[in-house]
Amino acid sequence: MDYEELEYKFIELHGAEKSTMMGTPCLRYNGQFFSMMFTKESSLILKLPEKRVNELIDIGKGHEFNFTKKRFKEWVLIPESLEDEYEALMLEALNHTKNA
């Protein structure tokens, strides 16, 4: 399932809201960002706990997000080559947002 289909699914089934951040469409839950496609890097950006971000980077599934030359410790880039894992990772990010 591609990201646009997942956006619709998360809005319909999980109460996510479509919004924007940095001029790019994103998903939020209760106003809190948790997911967006970052076309400049052909990657999904997710907000997850710092420990989980580091795990994903360490196992080669993610890359650090440092668009502004500053590392965002709770944000991770997941390349499009792992699109099959997007739904599970987005759900993880949504649950992190709900519990934050």
N, C-alpha and C. Protein backbone atom coordinates (compact mmCIF):
# COMPACT_ATOMS: atom_id res chain seq x y z
N MET A 1 0.85 -1.18 0.00
CA MET A 1 0.00 0.00 0.00
C MET A 1 0.90 1.24 0.00
N ASP A 2 0.63 2.17 -0.91
CA ASP A 2 1.48 3.36 -0.95
C ASP A 2 1.05 4.36 0.13
N TYR A 3 1.85 5.41 0.30
CA TYR A 3 1.62 6.34 1.39
C TYR A 3 0.26 7.03 1.29
N GLU A 4 -0.15 7.43 0.09
CA GLU A 4 -1.44 8.11 -0.05
C GLU A 4 -2.60 7.20 0.40
N GLU A 5 -2.52 5.94 0.07
CA GLU A 5 -3.55 4.99 0.52
C GLU A 5 -3.51 4.84 2.03
N LEU A 6 -2.30 4.83 2.59
CA LEU A 6 -2.16 4.72 4.04
C LEU A 6 -2.70 5.96 4.74
N GLU A 7 -2.47 7.14 4.16
CA GLU A 7 -3.04 8.36 4.73
C GLU A 7 -4.55 8.22 4.89
N TYR A 8 -5.20 7.83 3.83
CA TYR A 8 -6.65 7.67 3.86
C TYR A 8 -7.05 6.65 4.93
N LYS A 9 -6.36 5.54 4.97
CA LYS A 9 -6.67 4.49 5.95
C LYS A 9 -6.52 5.01 7.38
N PHE A 10 -5.45 5.74 7.65
CA PHE A 10 -5.21 6.24 9.00
C PHE A 10 -6.22 7.32 9.39
N ILE A 11 -6.68 8.09 8.42
CA ILE A 11 -7.72 9.08 8.70
C ILE A 11 -9.04 8.37 9.00
N GLU A 12 -9.40 7.42 8.17
CA GLU A 12 -10.67 6.72 8.32
C GLU A 12 -10.72 5.80 9.54
N LEU A 13 -9.65 5.04 9.78
CA LEU A 13 -9.68 4.01 10.82
C LEU A 13 -9.09 4.43 12.16
N HIS A 14 -8.19 5.39 12.14
CA HIS A 14 -7.46 5.69 13.38
C HIS A 14 -7.65 7.13 13.87
N GLY A 15 -8.46 7.92 13.18
CA GLY A 15 -8.72 9.28 13.64
C GLY A 15 -7.59 10.25 13.38
N ALA A 16 -6.69 9.92 12.46
CA ALA A 16 -5.62 10.85 12.10
C ALA A 16 -6.23 12.03 11.35
N GLU A 17 -5.48 13.12 11.34
CA GLU A 17 -5.92 14.34 10.66
C GLU A 17 -4.88 14.73 9.64
N LYS A 18 -5.32 15.12 8.45
CA LYS A 18 -4.38 15.60 7.45
C LYS A 18 -4.06 17.06 7.76
N SER A 19 -2.79 17.42 7.69
CA SER A 19 -2.34 18.76 8.02
C SER A 19 -1.13 19.06 7.13
N THR A 20 -0.37 20.08 7.50
CA THR A 20 0.89 20.36 6.80
C THR A 20 1.97 20.67 7.82
N MET A 21 3.20 20.43 7.39
CA MET A 21 4.37 20.80 8.17
C MET A 21 5.48 21.09 7.17
N MET A 22 6.17 22.18 7.34
CA MET A 22 7.24 22.60 6.41
C MET A 22 6.69 22.67 4.99
N GLY A 23 5.42 23.04 4.85
CA GLY A 23 4.79 23.18 3.55
C GLY A 23 4.46 21.86 2.88
N THR A 24 4.53 20.76 3.62
CA THR A 24 4.29 19.42 3.08
C THR A 24 3.13 18.78 3.82
N PRO A 25 2.25 18.07 3.09
CA PRO A 25 1.17 17.35 3.78
C PRO A 25 1.73 16.35 4.79
N CYS A 26 1.06 16.25 5.92
CA CYS A 26 1.47 15.32 6.96
C CYS A 26 0.24 14.77 7.67
N LEU A 27 0.46 13.83 8.54
CA LEU A 27 -0.61 13.30 9.39
C LEU A 27 -0.33 13.69 10.84
N ARG A 28 -1.40 14.06 11.51
CA ARG A 28 -1.33 14.41 12.94
C ARG A 28 -2.43 13.64 13.67
N TYR A 29 -2.22 13.51 14.96
CA TYR A 29 -3.25 12.96 15.83
C TYR A 29 -3.39 13.93 16.99
N ASN A 30 -4.60 14.45 17.20
CA ASN A 30 -4.84 15.49 18.21
C ASN A 30 -3.84 16.63 18.08
N GLY A 31 -3.56 17.00 16.83
CA GLY A 31 -2.66 18.12 16.56
C GLY A 31 -1.18 17.79 16.58
N GLN A 32 -0.82 16.58 16.97
CA GLN A 32 0.58 16.20 17.09
C GLN A 32 1.05 15.44 15.85
N PHE A 33 2.14 15.90 15.26
CA PHE A 33 2.70 15.26 14.07
C PHE A 33 3.16 13.84 14.37
N PHE A 34 2.92 12.92 13.40
CA PHE A 34 3.50 11.59 13.53
C PHE A 34 4.01 11.02 12.21
N SER A 35 3.63 11.57 11.05
CA SER A 35 4.03 10.94 9.79
C SER A 35 3.91 11.89 8.61
N MET A 36 4.86 11.79 7.67
CA MET A 36 4.74 12.49 6.39
C MET A 36 5.76 11.94 5.40
N MET A 37 5.44 12.08 4.12
CA MET A 37 6.39 11.72 3.08
C MET A 37 7.29 12.92 2.84
N PHE A 38 8.57 12.65 2.75
CA PHE A 38 9.58 13.70 2.50
C PHE A 38 10.15 13.41 1.11
N THR A 39 9.50 13.99 0.11
CA THR A 39 9.84 13.66 -1.27
C THR A 39 11.27 14.02 -1.63
N LYS A 40 11.84 15.02 -0.98
CA LYS A 40 13.23 15.40 -1.26
C LYS A 40 14.18 14.22 -1.01
N GLU A 41 13.85 13.37 -0.05
CA GLU A 41 14.67 12.22 0.29
C GLU A 41 14.01 10.89 -0.10
N SER A 42 12.86 10.96 -0.76
CA SER A 42 12.09 9.75 -1.12
C SER A 42 11.95 8.82 0.09
N SER A 43 11.53 9.41 1.19
CA SER A 43 11.44 8.67 2.45
C SER A 43 10.23 9.12 3.25
N LEU A 44 9.79 8.23 4.10
CA LEU A 44 8.75 8.51 5.08
C LEU A 44 9.43 9.04 6.34
N ILE A 45 8.91 10.12 6.89
CA ILE A 45 9.40 10.63 8.17
C ILE A 45 8.39 10.21 9.24
N LEU A 46 8.90 9.65 10.31
CA LEU A 46 8.07 9.26 11.43
C LEU A 46 8.61 9.85 12.72
N LYS A 47 7.71 10.13 13.65
CA LYS A 47 8.11 10.55 14.99
C LYS A 47 7.94 9.35 15.91
N LEU A 48 9.06 8.90 16.46
CA LEU A 48 9.11 7.73 17.35
C LEU A 48 10.00 8.06 18.55
N PRO A 49 9.96 7.24 19.58
CA PRO A 49 10.88 7.48 20.71
C PRO A 49 12.33 7.41 20.22
N GLU A 50 13.18 8.23 20.82
CA GLU A 50 14.59 8.30 20.42
C GLU A 50 15.24 6.92 20.39
N LYS A 51 14.95 6.08 21.36
CA LYS A 51 15.53 4.74 21.40
C LYS A 51 15.15 3.93 20.17
N ARG A 52 13.89 4.03 19.76
CA ARG A 52 13.42 3.29 18.58
C ARG A 52 14.03 3.87 17.30
N VAL A 53 14.15 5.18 17.23
CA VAL A 53 14.82 5.81 16.08
C VAL A 53 16.23 5.25 15.94
N ASN A 54 16.96 5.20 17.05
CA ASN A 54 18.33 4.69 17.02
C ASN A 54 18.37 3.21 16.60
N GLU A 55 17.39 2.43 17.07
CA GLU A 55 17.33 1.01 16.68
C GLU A 55 17.14 0.88 15.17
N LEU A 56 16.21 1.64 14.62
CA LEU A 56 15.95 1.57 13.17
C LEU A 56 17.18 1.98 12.37
N ILE A 57 17.89 2.98 12.84
CA ILE A 57 19.12 3.41 12.17
C ILE A 57 20.18 2.32 12.28
N ASP A 58 20.33 1.76 13.47
CA ASP A 58 21.35 0.73 13.70
C ASP A 58 21.14 -0.52 12.85
N ILE A 59 19.88 -0.90 12.60
CA ILE A 59 19.63 -2.10 11.80
C ILE A 59 19.52 -1.80 10.30
N GLY A 60 19.75 -0.55 9.94
CA GLY A 60 19.77 -0.17 8.53
C GLY A 60 18.42 0.08 7.90
N LYS A 61 17.38 0.19 8.70
CA LYS A 61 16.05 0.46 8.16
C LYS A 61 15.72 1.95 8.13
N GLY A 62 16.48 2.73 8.85
CA GLY A 62 16.20 4.16 8.92
C GLY A 62 17.46 4.99 8.82
N HIS A 63 17.23 6.28 8.58
CA HIS A 63 18.31 7.26 8.53
C HIS A 63 17.92 8.44 9.41
N GLU A 64 18.91 9.10 9.98
CA GLU A 64 18.57 10.23 10.83
C GLU A 64 18.05 11.37 9.97
N PHE A 65 17.17 12.16 10.55
CA PHE A 65 16.61 13.32 9.88
C PHE A 65 17.35 14.54 10.38
N ASN A 66 18.06 15.20 9.48
CA ASN A 66 18.81 16.41 9.86
C ASN A 66 18.71 17.45 8.77
N PHE A 67 17.52 17.67 8.29
CA PHE A 67 17.24 18.58 7.19
C PHE A 67 17.77 19.98 7.47
N THR A 68 17.72 20.43 8.69
CA THR A 68 18.16 21.77 9.04
C THR A 68 19.57 21.77 9.63
N LYS A 69 20.34 20.73 9.37
CA LYS A 69 21.70 20.54 9.89
C LYS A 69 21.70 20.22 11.39
N LYS A 70 20.51 20.05 11.94
CA LYS A 70 20.35 19.67 13.34
C LYS A 70 19.62 18.33 13.36
N ARG A 71 20.14 17.38 14.09
CA ARG A 71 19.49 16.07 14.16
C ARG A 71 18.23 16.15 15.01
N PHE A 72 17.14 15.64 14.45
CA PHE A 72 15.89 15.53 15.18
C PHE A 72 15.88 14.14 15.82
N LYS A 73 16.10 14.06 17.10
CA LYS A 73 16.30 12.78 17.80
C LYS A 73 15.10 11.84 17.75
N GLU A 74 13.91 12.40 17.62
CA GLU A 74 12.71 11.56 17.60
C GLU A 74 12.12 11.40 16.20
N TRP A 75 12.85 11.79 15.18
CA TRP A 75 12.38 11.66 13.81
C TRP A 75 13.31 10.73 13.06
N VAL A 76 12.73 9.88 12.22
CA VAL A 76 13.53 8.94 11.43
C VAL A 76 13.01 8.93 10.00
N LEU A 77 13.92 8.78 9.05
CA LEU A 77 13.58 8.64 7.64
C LEU A 77 13.57 7.16 7.29
N ILE A 78 12.49 6.70 6.69
CA ILE A 78 12.37 5.31 6.24
C ILE A 78 12.29 5.35 4.71
N PRO A 79 13.28 4.79 4.01
CA PRO A 79 13.30 4.89 2.55
C PRO A 79 12.13 4.16 1.88
N GLU A 80 11.78 4.63 0.68
CA GLU A 80 10.68 4.03 -0.07
C GLU A 80 10.91 2.56 -0.38
N SER A 81 12.16 2.13 -0.37
CA SER A 81 12.44 0.71 -0.61
C SER A 81 11.83 -0.17 0.48
N LEU A 82 11.47 0.41 1.61
CA LEU A 82 10.84 -0.33 2.71
C LEU A 82 9.34 0.00 2.82
N GLU A 83 8.75 0.40 1.71
CA GLU A 83 7.34 0.79 1.69
C GLU A 83 6.42 -0.28 2.26
N ASP A 84 6.78 -1.54 2.11
CA ASP A 84 5.96 -2.63 2.66
C ASP A 84 5.87 -2.57 4.19
N GLU A 85 6.78 -1.86 4.81
CA GLU A 85 6.78 -1.75 6.28
C GLU A 85 6.16 -0.45 6.78
N TYR A 86 5.76 0.41 5.86
CA TYR A 86 5.23 1.72 6.25
C TYR A 86 4.03 1.62 7.18
N GLU A 87 3.07 0.77 6.87
CA GLU A 87 1.85 0.73 7.68
C GLU A 87 2.16 0.38 9.13
N ALA A 88 2.97 -0.64 9.35
CA ALA A 88 3.30 -1.05 10.73
C ALA A 88 4.08 0.05 11.44
N LEU A 89 4.99 0.69 10.74
CA LEU A 89 5.79 1.74 11.36
C LEU A 89 4.94 2.99 11.63
N MET A 90 4.01 3.29 10.72
CA MET A 90 3.11 4.42 10.96
C MET A 90 2.21 4.16 12.16
N LEU A 91 1.76 2.94 12.31
CA LEU A 91 0.94 2.59 13.46
C LEU A 91 1.75 2.74 14.75
N GLU A 92 3.00 2.33 14.70
CA GLU A 92 3.90 2.50 15.85
C GLU A 92 4.05 3.99 16.19
N ALA A 93 4.21 4.83 15.16
CA ALA A 93 4.36 6.26 15.37
C ALA A 93 3.06 6.86 15.92
N LEU A 94 1.93 6.41 15.39
CA LEU A 94 0.64 6.89 15.89
C LEU A 94 0.47 6.53 17.35
N ASN A 95 0.78 5.31 17.72
CA ASN A 95 0.66 4.89 19.12
C ASN A 95 1.60 5.66 20.02
N HIS A 96 2.80 5.96 19.53
CA HIS A 96 3.73 6.80 20.31
C HIS A 96 3.11 8.17 20.54
N THR A 97 2.51 8.74 19.50
CA THR A 97 1.88 10.06 19.61
C THR A 97 0.72 10.01 20.60
N LYS A 98 -0.08 8.97 20.53
CA LYS A 98 -1.23 8.86 21.45
C LYS A 98 -0.78 8.74 22.89
N ASN A 99 0.37 8.13 23.13
CA ASN A 99 0.86 7.91 24.50
C ASN A 99 1.80 9.00 24.99
N ALA A 100 2.09 9.97 24.16
CA ALA A 100 3.04 11.03 24.56
C ALA A 100 2.38 12.05 25.44
